[in-house]
C-alpha atoms as a PDB file:
ATOM      1  CA  UNK A   1     -39.073-115.551  -0.087  1.00  0.00           C
ATOM      2  CA  UNK A   2     -42.783-115.995  -0.871  1.00  0.00           C
ATOM      3  CA  UNK A   3     -43.655-115.686   2.807  1.00  0.00           C
ATOM      4  CA  UNK A   4     -41.418-112.644   3.273  1.00  0.00           C
ATOM      5  CA  UNK A   5     -42.967-110.856   0.296  1.00  0.00           C
ATOM      6  CA  UNK A   6     -46.500-111.666   1.467  1.00  0.00           C
ATOM      7  CA  UNK A   7     -45.751-110.291   4.940  1.00  0.00           C
ATOM      8  CA  UNK A   8     -44.300-107.086   3.477  1.00  0.00           C
ATOM      9  CA  UNK A   9     -47.370-106.584   1.293  1.00  0.00           C
ATOM     10  CA  UNK A  10     -49.725-107.355   4.170  1.00  0.00           C
ATOM     11  CA  UNK A  11     -48.036-104.993   6.629  1.00  0.00           C
ATOM     12  CA  UNK A  12     -47.714-102.120   4.168  1.00  0.00           C
ATOM     13  CA  UNK A  13     -51.025-100.640   5.288  1.00  0.00           C
ATOM     14  CA  UNK A  14     -50.716-101.226   9.032  1.00  0.00           C
ATOM     15  CA  UNK A  15     -51.278 -98.071  11.100  1.00  0.00           C
ATOM     16  CA  UNK A  16     -48.169 -95.960  11.686  1.00  0.00           C
ATOM     17  CA  UNK A  17     -48.387 -96.524  15.447  1.00  0.00           C
ATOM     18  CA  UNK A  18     -47.884-100.259  14.843  1.00  0.00           C
ATOM     19  CA  UNK A  19     -44.631 -99.806  12.936  1.00  0.00           C
ATOM     20  CA  UNK A  20     -42.369-100.655  15.898  1.00  0.00           C
ATOM     21  CA  UNK A  21     -44.687-102.924  17.852  1.00  0.00           C
ATOM     22  CA  UNK A  22     -46.058-105.260  15.183  1.00  0.00           C
ATOM     23  CA  UNK A  23     -45.053-104.413  11.626  1.00  0.00           C
ATOM     24  CA  UNK A  24     -41.267-104.400  12.008  1.00  0.00           C
ATOM     25  CA  UNK A  25     -41.106-107.583  14.138  1.00  0.00           C
ATOM     26  CA  UNK A  26     -43.318-109.394  11.625  1.00  0.00           C
ATOM     27  CA  UNK A  27     -41.135-108.314   8.740  1.00  0.00           C
ATOM     28  CA  UNK A  28     -37.941-109.150  10.593  1.00  0.00           C
ATOM     29  CA  UNK A  29     -39.125-112.653  11.455  1.00  0.00           C
ATOM     30  CA  UNK A  30     -40.413-113.408   7.946  1.00  0.00           C
ATOM     31  CA  UNK A  31     -37.751-111.750   5.845  1.00  0.00           C
ATOM     32  CA  UNK A  32     -34.690-112.087   8.039  1.00  0.00           C
ATOM     33  CA  UNK A  33     -34.950-114.614  10.844  1.00  0.00           C
ATOM     34  CA  UNK A  34     -36.401-117.656   9.068  1.00  0.00           C
ATOM     35  CA  UNK A  35     -34.171-117.671   5.971  1.00  0.00           C
ATOM     36  CA  UNK A  36     -31.102-116.429   7.865  1.00  0.00           C
ATOM     37  CA  UNK A  37     -31.281-119.186  10.464  1.00  0.00           C
ATOM     38  CA  UNK A  38     -31.682-121.818   7.760  1.00  0.00           C
ATOM     39  CA  UNK A  39     -28.710-120.378   5.870  1.00  0.00           C
ATOM     40  CA  UNK A  40     -26.538-120.040   8.970  1.00  0.00           C
ATOM     41  CA  UNK A  41     -27.388-123.544  10.131  1.00  0.00           C
ATOM     42  CA  UNK A  42     -26.508-125.013   6.750  1.00  0.00           C
ATOM     43  CA  UNK A  43     -23.056-123.452   7.005  1.00  0.00           C
ATOM     44  CA  UNK A  44     -22.357-125.061  10.379  1.00  0.00           C
ATOM     45  CA  UNK A  45     -20.061-128.044  10.743  1.00  0.00           C
ATOM     46  CA  UNK A  46     -22.440-130.536  12.327  1.00  0.00           C
ATOM     47  CA  UNK A  47     -25.951-131.828  11.765  1.00  0.00           C
ATOM     48  CA  UNK A  48     -26.654-131.093  15.424  1.00  0.00           C
ATOM     49  CA  UNK A  49     -25.877-127.400  14.889  1.00  0.00           C
ATOM     50  CA  UNK A  50     -27.945-127.342  11.724  1.00  0.00           C
ATOM     51  CA  UNK A  51     -30.839-128.989  13.555  1.00  0.00           C
ATOM     52  CA  UNK A  52     -30.659-126.287  16.256  1.00  0.00           C
ATOM     53  CA  UNK A  53     -30.836-123.464  13.702  1.00  0.00           C
ATOM     54  CA  UNK A  54     -33.739-125.158  11.931  1.00  0.00           C
ATOM     55  CA  UNK A  55     -35.509-125.220  15.300  1.00  0.00           C
ATOM     56  CA  UNK A  56     -34.919-121.492  15.667  1.00  0.00           C
ATOM     57  CA  UNK A  57     -36.395-120.953  12.189  1.00  0.00           C
ATOM     58  CA  UNK A  58     -39.475-122.945  13.228  1.00  0.00           C
ATOM     59  CA  UNK A  59     -39.763-120.747  16.304  1.00  0.00           C
ATOM     60  CA  UNK A  60     -39.715-117.672  14.092  1.00  0.00           C
ATOM     61  CA  UNK A  61     -42.515-119.180  12.006  1.00  0.00           C
ATOM     62  CA  UNK A  62     -44.564-119.612  15.188  1.00  0.00           C
ATOM     63  CA  UNK A  63     -43.805-115.985  16.043  1.00  0.00           C
ATOM     64  CA  UNK A  64     -45.055-114.867  12.619  1.00  0.00           C
ATOM     65  CA  UNK A  65     -48.240-116.895  13.014  1.00  0.00           C
ATOM     66  CA  UNK A  66     -48.940-115.403  16.443  1.00  0.00           C
ATOM     67  CA  UNK A  67     -48.326-111.857  15.255  1.00  0.00           C
ATOM     68  CA  UNK A  68     -50.586-112.387  12.242  1.00  0.00           C
ATOM     69  CA  UNK A  69     -53.355-113.654  14.518  1.00  0.00           C
ATOM     70  CA  UNK A  70     -52.937-110.519  16.623  1.00  0.00           C
ATOM     71  CA  UNK A  71     -53.178-108.371  13.479  1.00  0.00           C
ATOM     72  CA  UNK A  72     -56.488-110.073  12.670  1.00  0.00           C
ATOM     73  CA  UNK A  73     -57.755-109.545  16.227  1.00  0.00           C
ATOM     74  CA  UNK A  74     -56.836-105.864  16.007  1.00  0.00           C
ATOM     75  CA  UNK A  75     -58.651-105.531  12.680  1.00  0.00           C
ATOM     76  CA  UNK A  76     -55.578-104.682  10.593  1.00  0.00           C
ATOM     77  CA  UNK A  77     -56.180-107.614   8.237  1.00  0.00           C
ATOM     78  CA  UNK A  78     -59.195-109.760   7.548  1.00  0.00           C
ATOM     79  CA  UNK A  79     -57.905-112.962   6.037  1.00  0.00           C
ATOM     80  CA  UNK A  80     -54.598-114.697   6.679  1.00  0.00           C
ATOM     81  CA  UNK A  81     -55.558-118.202   5.548  1.00  0.00           C
ATOM     82  CA  UNK A  82     -53.066-118.185   2.671  1.00  0.00           C
ATOM     83  CA  UNK A  83     -50.277-117.024   4.974  1.00  0.00           C
ATOM     84  CA  UNK A  84     -51.176-119.633   7.579  1.00  0.00           C
ATOM     85  CA  UNK A  85     -51.004-122.293   4.852  1.00  0.00           C
ATOM     86  CA  UNK A  86     -47.617-120.949   3.772  1.00  0.00           C
ATOM     87  CA  UNK A  87     -46.343-121.022   7.366  1.00  0.00           C
ATOM     88  CA  UNK A  88     -47.584-124.588   7.835  1.00  0.00           C
ATOM     89  CA  UNK A  89     -45.906-125.590   4.583  1.00  0.00           C
ATOM     90  CA  UNK A  90     -42.605-124.119   5.813  1.00  0.00           C
ATOM     91  CA  UNK A  91     -42.913-125.932   9.149  1.00  0.00           C
ATOM     92  CA  UNK A  92     -43.556-129.224   7.356  1.00  0.00           C
ATOM     93  CA  UNK A  93     -40.561-128.698   5.057  1.00  0.00           C
ATOM     94  CA  UNK A  94     -38.309-127.943   8.015  1.00  0.00           C
ATOM     95  CA  UNK A  95     -39.597-131.048   9.843  1.00  0.00           C
ATOM     96  CA  UNK A  96     -38.801-133.229   6.831  1.00  0.00           C
ATOM     97  CA  UNK A  97     -35.394-131.611   6.525  1.00  0.00           C
ATOM     98  CA  UNK A  98     -34.635-132.180  10.215  1.00  0.00           C
ATOM     99  CA  UNK A  99     -35.656-135.822   9.953  1.00  0.00           C
ATOM    100  CA  UNK A 100     -33.307-136.288   7.004  1.00  0.00           C
ATOM    101  CA  UNK A 101     -30.252-135.073   8.937  1.00  0.00           C
ATOM    102  CA  UNK A 102     -27.983-137.712  10.418  1.00  0.00           C
ATOM    103  CA  UNK A 103     -28.366-138.321  14.127  1.00  0.00           C
ATOM    104  CA  UNK A 104     -25.195-137.671  16.117  1.00  0.00           C
ATOM    105  CA  UNK A 105     -23.601-140.843  17.378  1.00  0.00           C
END
């Protein structure tokens, strides 16, 4: 939720022409895709399924990072260090979580 809120605040002042191309995908990945995939995976019957959804969540985190770097390159934001640290923290947590899941026999 911290990451989602930070992305919403950051994208609030993006130019209107970036609404569909950059702002909305960033918000969707941060606020919807990452937490939704973790939640959906946790409701699945097997650790293998859960592991797959956690991988999708990690992919969404990579997507967020890439889009934030593009926003910097385009001059829409100046500093994303805190967000990059938050993304890395999420990736590390997911990695630990994945490693704690039982391996299918």
